[in-house]
Amino acid sequence: AAGLGLVIAVQFGLVTCMGVANPVIATYRLDR
């Protein structure tokens, strides 16, 4: 369970950051 929890926590952090970054990057790219 500890290993599974670590993967979930790490992936949650990664995916949250990507959820913020991806639309900002897409908009930044179109704007320029």
PDB file of all heavy atoms in Angstrom:
ATOM      1  N   ALA A   1       0.815  -1.211   0.000  1.00  0.00           N
ATOM      2  CA  ALA A   1       0.000   0.000   0.000  1.00  0.00           C
ATOM      3  C   ALA A   1       0.851   1.265   0.000  1.00  0.00           C
ATOM      4  O   ALA A   1       0.497   2.267  -0.636  1.00  0.00           O
ATOM      5  CB  ALA A   1      -0.932  -0.003   1.208  1.00  0.00           C
ATOM      6  N   ALA A   2       1.995   1.232   0.707  1.00  0.00           N
ATOM      7  CA  ALA A   2       2.852   2.416   0.758  1.00  0.00           C
ATOM      8  C   ALA A   2       3.399   2.744  -0.629  1.00  0.00           C
ATOM      9  O   ALA A   2       3.447   3.914  -1.038  1.00  0.00           O
ATOM     10  CB  ALA A   2       3.994   2.198   1.745  1.00  0.00           C
ATOM     11  N   GLY A   3       3.819   1.720  -1.358  1.00  0.00           N
ATOM     12  CA  GLY A   3       4.329   1.944  -2.709  1.00  0.00           C
ATOM     13  C   GLY A   3       3.254   2.474  -3.639  1.00  0.00           C
ATOM     14  O   GLY A   3       3.498   3.395  -4.426  1.00  0.00           O
ATOM     15  N   LEU A   4       2.050   1.895  -3.540  1.00  0.00           N
ATOM     16  CA  LEU A   4       0.946   2.366  -4.375  1.00  0.00           C
ATOM     17  C   LEU A   4       0.599   3.812  -4.038  1.00  0.00           C
ATOM     18  O   LEU A   4       0.371   4.634  -4.928  1.00  0.00           O
ATOM     19  CB  LEU A   4      -0.276   1.471  -4.168  1.00  0.00           C
ATOM     20  CG  LEU A   4      -1.505   1.776  -5.030  1.00  0.00           C
ATOM     21  CD1 LEU A   4      -1.197   1.618  -6.509  1.00  0.00           C
ATOM     22  CD2 LEU A   4      -2.673   0.871  -4.629  1.00  0.00           C
ATOM     23  N   GLY A   5       0.597   4.130  -2.739  1.00  0.00           N
ATOM     24  CA  GLY A   5       0.309   5.497  -2.324  1.00  0.00           C
ATOM     25  C   GLY A   5       1.342   6.484  -2.825  1.00  0.00           C
ATOM     26  O   GLY A   5       1.004   7.621  -3.206  1.00  0.00           O
ATOM     27  N   LEU A   6       2.623   6.066  -2.844  1.00  0.00           N
ATOM     28  CA  LEU A   6       3.676   6.947  -3.349  1.00  0.00           C
ATOM     29  C   LEU A   6       3.462   7.262  -4.822  1.00  0.00           C
ATOM     30  O   LEU A   6       3.563   8.415  -5.242  1.00  0.00           O
ATOM     31  CB  LEU A   6       5.046   6.299  -3.141  1.00  0.00           C
ATOM     32  CG  LEU A   6       6.242   7.048  -3.756  1.00  0.00           C
ATOM     33  CD1 LEU A   6       6.386   8.429  -3.137  1.00  0.00           C
ATOM     34  CD2 LEU A   6       7.525   6.235  -3.579  1.00  0.00           C
ATOM     35  N   VAL A   7       3.145   6.239  -5.615  1.00  0.00           N
ATOM     36  CA  VAL A   7       2.932   6.465  -7.044  1.00  0.00           C
ATOM     37  C   VAL A   7       1.750   7.397  -7.267  1.00  0.00           C
ATOM     38  O   VAL A   7       1.814   8.330  -8.082  1.00  0.00           O
ATOM     39  CB  VAL A   7       2.712   5.126  -7.779  1.00  0.00           C
ATOM     40  CG1 VAL A   7       2.382   5.375  -9.252  1.00  0.00           C
ATOM     41  CG2 VAL A   7       3.948   4.248  -7.674  1.00  0.00           C
ATOM     42  N   ILE A   8       0.665   7.171  -6.538  1.00  0.00           N
ATOM     43  CA  ILE A   8      -0.522   8.012  -6.697  1.00  0.00           C
ATOM     44  C   ILE A   8      -0.207   9.458  -6.320  1.00  0.00           C
ATOM     45  O   ILE A   8      -0.596  10.406  -7.019  1.00  0.00           O
ATOM     46  CB  ILE A   8      -1.692   7.460  -5.854  1.00  0.00           C
ATOM     47  CG1 ILE A   8      -2.189   6.142  -6.451  1.00  0.00           C
ATOM     48  CG2 ILE A   8      -2.836   8.482  -5.785  1.00  0.00           C
ATOM     49  CD1 ILE A   8      -3.279   5.467  -5.639  1.00  0.00           C
ATOM     50  N   ALA A   9       0.518   9.655  -5.211  1.00  0.00           N
ATOM     51  CA  ALA A   9       0.850  11.013  -4.768  1.00  0.00           C
ATOM     52  C   ALA A   9       1.744  11.726  -5.782  1.00  0.00           C
ATOM     53  O   ALA A   9       1.525  12.903  -6.114  1.00  0.00           O
ATOM     54  CB  ALA A   9       1.532  10.963  -3.406  1.00  0.00           C
ATOM     55  N   VAL A  10       2.747  11.007  -6.279  1.00  0.00           N
ATOM     56  CA  VAL A  10       3.663  11.608  -7.257  1.00  0.00           C
ATOM     57  C   VAL A  10       2.926  11.950  -8.547  1.00  0.00           C
ATOM     58  O   VAL A  10       3.072  13.056  -9.102  1.00  0.00           O
ATOM     59  CB  VAL A  10       4.841  10.656  -7.535  1.00  0.00           C
ATOM     60  CG1 VAL A  10       5.635  11.115  -8.755  1.00  0.00           C
ATOM     61  CG2 VAL A  10       5.752  10.566  -6.325  1.00  0.00           C
ATOM     62  N   GLN A  11       2.112  11.013  -9.021  1.00  0.00           N
ATOM     63  CA  GLN A  11       1.374  11.262 -10.257  1.00  0.00           C
ATOM     64  C   GLN A  11       0.362  12.391 -10.091  1.00  0.00           C
ATOM     65  O   GLN A  11       0.150  13.186 -11.008  1.00  0.00           O
ATOM     66  CB  GLN A  11       0.662   9.978 -10.709  1.00  0.00           C
ATOM     67  CG  GLN A  11       1.599   8.927 -11.280  1.00  0.00           C
ATOM     68  CD  GLN A  11       2.265   9.417 -12.544  1.00  0.00           C
ATOM     69  OE1 GLN A  11       3.483   9.520 -12.624  1.00  0.00           O
ATOM     70  NE2 GLN A  11       1.486   9.740 -13.552  1.00  0.00           N
ATOM     71  N   PHE A  12      -0.254  12.474  -8.924  1.00  0.00           N
ATOM     72  CA  PHE A  12      -1.208  13.551  -8.683  1.00  0.00           C
ATOM     73  C   PHE A  12      -0.515  14.911  -8.773  1.00  0.00           C
ATOM     74  O   PHE A  12      -1.021  15.844  -9.402  1.00  0.00           O
ATOM     75  CB  PHE A  12      -1.870  13.391  -7.311  1.00  0.00           C
ATOM     76  CG  PHE A  12      -2.868  14.467  -6.994  1.00  0.00           C
ATOM     77  CD1 PHE A  12      -4.173  14.375  -7.455  1.00  0.00           C
ATOM     78  CD2 PHE A  12      -2.506  15.572  -6.244  1.00  0.00           C
ATOM     79  CE1 PHE A  12      -5.102  15.375  -7.175  1.00  0.00           C
ATOM     80  CE2 PHE A  12      -3.418  16.574  -5.954  1.00  0.00           C
ATOM     81  CZ  PHE A  12      -4.727  16.475  -6.416  1.00  0.00           C
ATOM     82  N   GLY A  13       0.651  15.028  -8.143  1.00  0.00           N
ATOM     83  CA  GLY A  13       1.390  16.289  -8.223  1.00  0.00           C
ATOM     84  C   GLY A  13       1.788  16.625  -9.641  1.00  0.00           C
ATOM     85  O   GLY A  13       1.641  17.774 -10.092  1.00  0.00           O
ATOM     86  N   LEU A  14       2.295  15.637 -10.375  1.00  0.00           N
ATOM     87  CA  LEU A  14       2.713  15.852 -11.760  1.00  0.00           C
ATOM     88  C   LEU A  14       1.543  16.276 -12.634  1.00  0.00           C
ATOM     89  O   LEU A  14       1.622  17.262 -13.386  1.00  0.00           O
ATOM     90  CB  LEU A  14       3.347  14.572 -12.303  1.00  0.00           C
ATOM     91  CG  LEU A  14       3.646  14.537 -13.808  1.00  0.00           C
ATOM     92  CD1 LEU A  14       4.668  15.588 -14.174  1.00  0.00           C
ATOM     93  CD2 LEU A  14       4.109  13.148 -14.227  1.00  0.00           C
ATOM     94  N   VAL A  15       0.451  15.546 -12.528  1.00  0.00           N
ATOM     95  CA  VAL A  15      -0.696  15.798 -13.396  1.00  0.00           C
ATOM     96  C   VAL A  15      -1.336  17.154 -13.081  1.00  0.00           C
ATOM     97  O   VAL A  15      -1.788  17.862 -13.982  1.00  0.00           O
ATOM     98  CB  VAL A  15      -1.710  14.647 -13.268  1.00  0.00           C
ATOM     99  CG1 VAL A  15      -3.031  15.003 -13.935  1.00  0.00           C
ATOM    100  CG2 VAL A  15      -1.156  13.372 -13.899  1.00  0.00           C
ATOM    101  N   THR A  16      -1.378  17.530 -11.804  1.00  0.00           N
ATOM    102  CA  THR A  16      -1.925  18.842 -11.442  1.00  0.00           C
ATOM    103  C   THR A  16      -1.105  19.958 -12.073  1.00  0.00           C
ATOM    104  O   THR A  16      -1.654  20.920 -12.642  1.00  0.00           O
ATOM    105  CB  THR A  16      -1.964  19.008  -9.914  1.00  0.00           C
ATOM    106  OG1 THR A  16      -2.751  17.965  -9.332  1.00  0.00           O
ATOM    107  CG2 THR A  16      -2.558  20.357  -9.526  1.00  0.00           C
ATOM    108  N   CYS A  17       0.214  19.853 -11.986  1.00  0.00           N
ATOM    109  CA  CYS A  17       1.083  20.868 -12.595  1.00  0.00           C
ATOM    110  C   CYS A  17       0.917  20.909 -14.110  1.00  0.00           C
ATOM    111  O   CYS A  17       0.897  21.988 -14.717  1.00  0.00           O
ATOM    112  CB  CYS A  17       2.534  20.608 -12.221  1.00  0.00           C
ATOM    113  SG  CYS A  17       2.893  20.789 -10.462  1.00  0.00           S
ATOM    114  N   MET A  18       0.767  19.738 -14.721  1.00  0.00           N
ATOM    115  CA  MET A  18       0.563  19.700 -16.168  1.00  0.00           C
ATOM    116  C   MET A  18      -0.792  20.278 -16.545  1.00  0.00           C
ATOM    117  O   MET A  18      -0.940  20.923 -17.588  1.00  0.00           O
ATOM    118  CB  MET A  18       0.710  18.271 -16.681  1.00  0.00           C
ATOM    119  CG  MET A  18       2.117  17.721 -16.552  1.00  0.00           C
ATOM    120  SD  MET A  18       2.304  16.072 -17.259  1.00  0.00           S
ATOM    121  CE  MET A  18       2.178  16.446 -19.005  1.00  0.00           C
ATOM    122  N   GLY A  19      -1.805  20.041 -15.687  1.00  0.00           N
ATOM    123  CA  GLY A  19      -3.121  20.603 -15.947  1.00  0.00           C
ATOM    124  C   GLY A  19      -3.106  22.119 -15.971  1.00  0.00           C
ATOM    125  O   GLY A  19      -3.880  22.745 -16.709  1.00  0.00           O
ATOM    126  N   VAL A  20      -2.250  22.729 -15.165  1.00  0.00           N
ATOM    127  CA  VAL A  20      -2.083  24.186 -15.201  1.00  0.00           C
ATOM    128  C   VAL A  20      -1.238  24.596 -16.408  1.00  0.00           C
ATOM    129  O   VAL A  20      -1.582  25.529 -17.148  1.00  0.00           O
ATOM    130  CB  VAL A  20      -1.429  24.701 -13.904  1.00  0.00           C
ATOM    131  CG1 VAL A  20      -1.153  26.206 -14.007  1.00  0.00           C
ATOM    132  CG2 VAL A  20      -2.308  24.405 -12.695  1.00  0.00           C
ATOM    133  N   ALA A  21      -0.126  23.908 -16.611  1.00  0.00           N
ATOM    134  CA  ALA A  21       0.846  24.345 -17.625  1.00  0.00           C
ATOM    135  C   ALA A  21       0.333  24.169 -19.053  1.00  0.00           C
ATOM    136  O   ALA A  21       0.553  25.055 -19.901  1.00  0.00           O
ATOM    137  CB  ALA A  21       2.152  23.567 -17.444  1.00  0.00           C
ATOM    138  N   ASN A  22      -0.329  23.062 -19.352  1.00  0.00           N
ATOM    139  CA  ASN A  22      -0.661  22.760 -20.746  1.00  0.00           C
ATOM    140  C   ASN A  22      -1.547  23.810 -21.413  1.00  0.00           C
ATOM    141  O   ASN A  22      -1.239  24.258 -22.534  1.00  0.00           O
ATOM    142  CB  ASN A  22      -1.300  21.372 -20.836  1.00  0.00           C
ATOM    143  CG  ASN A  22      -0.301  20.256 -20.604  1.00  0.00           C
ATOM    144  OD1 ASN A  22       0.903  20.489 -20.597  1.00  0.00           O
ATOM    145  ND2 ASN A  22      -0.786  19.050 -20.393  1.00  0.00           N
ATOM    146  N   PRO A  23      -2.672  24.224 -20.798  1.00  0.00           N
ATOM    147  CA  PRO A  23      -3.472  25.257 -21.481  1.00  0.00           C
ATOM    148  C   PRO A  23      -2.768  26.603 -21.567  1.00  0.00           C
ATOM    149  O   PRO A  23      -2.980  27.356 -22.527  1.00  0.00           O
ATOM    150  CB  PRO A  23      -4.753  25.341 -20.637  1.00  0.00           C
ATOM    151  CG  PRO A  23      -4.398  24.762 -19.311  1.00  0.00           C
ATOM    152  CD  PRO A  23      -3.352  23.728 -19.589  1.00  0.00           C
ATOM    153  N   VAL A  24      -1.917  26.912 -20.574  1.00  0.00           N
ATOM    154  CA  VAL A  24      -1.173  28.168 -20.630  1.00  0.00           C
ATOM    155  C   VAL A  24      -0.178  28.126 -21.790  1.00  0.00           C
ATOM    156  O   VAL A  24      -0.033  29.102 -22.538  1.00  0.00           O
ATOM    157  CB  VAL A  24      -0.450  28.426 -19.292  1.00  0.00           C
ATOM    158  CG1 VAL A  24       0.415  29.678 -19.386  1.00  0.00           C
ATOM    159  CG2 VAL A  24      -1.460  28.587 -18.162  1.00  0.00           C
ATOM    160  N   ILE A  25       0.507  26.989 -21.951  1.00  0.00           N
ATOM    161  CA  ILE A  25       1.451  26.843 -23.060  1.00  0.00           C
ATOM    162  C   ILE A  25       0.730  26.918 -24.400  1.00  0.00           C
ATOM    163  O   ILE A  25       1.189  27.577 -25.344  1.00  0.00           O
ATOM    164  CB  ILE A  25       2.230  25.525 -22.922  1.00  0.00           C
ATOM    165  CG1 ILE A  25       3.189  25.600 -21.734  1.00  0.00           C
ATOM    166  CG2 ILE A  25       2.990  25.195 -24.206  1.00  0.00           C
ATOM    167  CD1 ILE A  25       3.843  24.274 -21.390  1.00  0.00           C
ATOM    168  N   ALA A  26      -0.419  26.232 -24.505  1.00  0.00           N
ATOM    169  CA  ALA A  26      -1.170  26.246 -25.764  1.00  0.00           C
ATOM    170  C   ALA A  26      -1.603  27.657 -26.131  1.00  0.00           C
ATOM    171  O   ALA A  26      -1.526  28.070 -27.301  1.00  0.00           O
ATOM    172  CB  ALA A  26      -2.384  25.324 -25.645  1.00  0.00           C
ATOM    173  N   THR A  27      -2.047  28.424 -25.141  1.00  0.00           N
ATOM    174  CA  THR A  27      -2.470  29.806 -25.387  1.00  0.00           C
ATOM    175  C   THR A  27      -1.275  30.693 -25.725  1.00  0.00           C
ATOM    176  O   THR A  27      -1.331  31.531 -26.637  1.00  0.00           O
ATOM    177  CB  THR A  27      -3.207  30.347 -24.152  1.00  0.00           C
ATOM    178  OG1 THR A  27      -4.294  29.474 -23.842  1.00  0.00           O
ATOM    179  CG2 THR A  27      -3.735  31.744 -24.401  1.00  0.00           C
ATOM    180  N   TYR A  28      -0.191  30.517 -24.980  1.00  0.00           N
ATOM    181  CA  TYR A  28       1.056  31.275 -25.214  1.00  0.00           C
ATOM    182  C   TYR A  28       1.528  31.065 -26.656  1.00  0.00           C
ATOM    183  O   TYR A  28       1.917  32.003 -27.356  1.00  0.00           O
ATOM    184  CB  TYR A  28       2.088  30.759 -24.219  1.00  0.00           C
ATOM    185  CG  TYR A  28       3.342  31.574 -24.049  1.00  0.00           C
ATOM    186  CD1 TYR A  28       3.475  32.489 -23.010  1.00  0.00           C
ATOM    187  CD2 TYR A  28       4.434  31.386 -24.883  1.00  0.00           C
ATOM    188  CE1 TYR A  28       4.654  33.207 -22.813  1.00  0.00           C
ATOM    189  CE2 TYR A  28       5.607  32.096 -24.710  1.00  0.00           C
ATOM    190  CZ  TYR A  28       5.712  33.002 -23.667  1.00  0.00           C
ATOM    191  OH  TYR A  28       6.875  33.702 -23.486  1.00  0.00           O
ATOM    192  N   ARG A  29       1.456  29.823 -27.120  1.00  0.00           N
ATOM    193  CA  ARG A  29       1.917  29.469 -28.465  1.00  0.00           C
ATOM    194  C   ARG A  29       1.027  30.105 -29.531  1.00  0.00           C
ATOM    195  O   ARG A  29       1.517  30.652 -30.526  1.00  0.00           O
ATOM    196  CB  ARG A  29       1.910  27.946 -28.582  1.00  0.00           C
ATOM    197  CG  ARG A  29       2.512  27.363 -29.825  1.00  0.00           C
ATOM    198  CD  ARG A  29       2.532  25.856 -29.687  1.00  0.00           C
ATOM    199  NE  ARG A  29       1.199  25.318 -29.430  1.00  0.00           N
ATOM    200  CZ  ARG A  29       0.968  24.101 -28.947  1.00  0.00           C
ATOM    201  NH1 ARG A  29       1.971  23.301 -28.640  1.00  0.00           N
ATOM    202  NH2 ARG A  29      -0.266  23.681 -28.776  1.00  0.00           N
ATOM    203  N   LEU A  30      -0.289  30.055 -29.349  1.00  0.00           N
ATOM    204  CA  LEU A  30      -1.204  30.665 -30.311  1.00  0.00           C
ATOM    205  C   LEU A  30      -1.055  32.181 -30.336  1.00  0.00           C
ATOM    206  O   LEU A  30      -1.101  32.808 -31.402  1.00  0.00           O
ATOM    207  CB  LEU A  30      -2.648  30.294 -29.966  1.00  0.00           C
ATOM    208  CG  LEU A  30      -3.092  28.867 -30.273  1.00  0.00           C
ATOM    209  CD1 LEU A  30      -4.508  28.636 -29.770  1.00  0.00           C
ATOM    210  CD2 LEU A  30      -2.995  28.563 -31.758  1.00  0.00           C
ATOM    211  N   ASP A  31      -0.872  32.770 -29.176  1.00  0.00           N
ATOM    212  CA  ASP A  31      -0.777  34.215 -29.086  1.00  0.00           C
ATOM    213  C   ASP A  31       0.449  34.746 -29.816  1.00  0.00           C
ATOM    214  O   ASP A  31       0.442  35.870 -30.317  1.00  0.00           O
ATOM    215  CB  ASP A  31      -0.734  34.628 -27.613  1.00  0.00           C
ATOM    216  CG  ASP A  31      -0.757  36.130 -27.425  1.00  0.00           C
ATOM    217  OD1 ASP A  31      -1.679  36.772 -27.945  1.00  0.00           O
ATOM    218  OD2 ASP A  31       0.167  36.666 -26.765  1.00  0.00           O
ATOM    219  N   ARG A  32       1.506  33.962 -29.878  1.00  0.00           N
ATOM    220  CA  ARG A  32       2.759  34.401 -30.477  1.00  0.00           C
ATOM    221  C   ARG A  32       2.981  33.856 -31.887  1.00  0.00           C
ATOM    222  O   ARG A  32       4.096  33.862 -32.387  1.00  0.00           O
ATOM    223  CB  ARG A  32       3.931  34.017 -29.565  1.00  0.00           C
ATOM    224  CG  ARG A  32       4.034  34.966 -28.389  1.00  0.00           C
ATOM    225  CD  ARG A  32       4.676  34.339 -27.183  1.00  0.00           C
ATOM    226  NE  ARG A  32       4.725  35.314 -26.102  1.00  0.00           N
ATOM    227  CZ  ARG A  32       3.677  35.623 -25.337  1.00  0.00           C
ATOM    228  NH1 ARG A  32       2.516  35.028 -25.522  1.00  0.00           N
ATOM    229  NH2 ARG A  32       3.784  36.539 -24.372  1.00  0.00           N
TER     230      ARG A  32
END
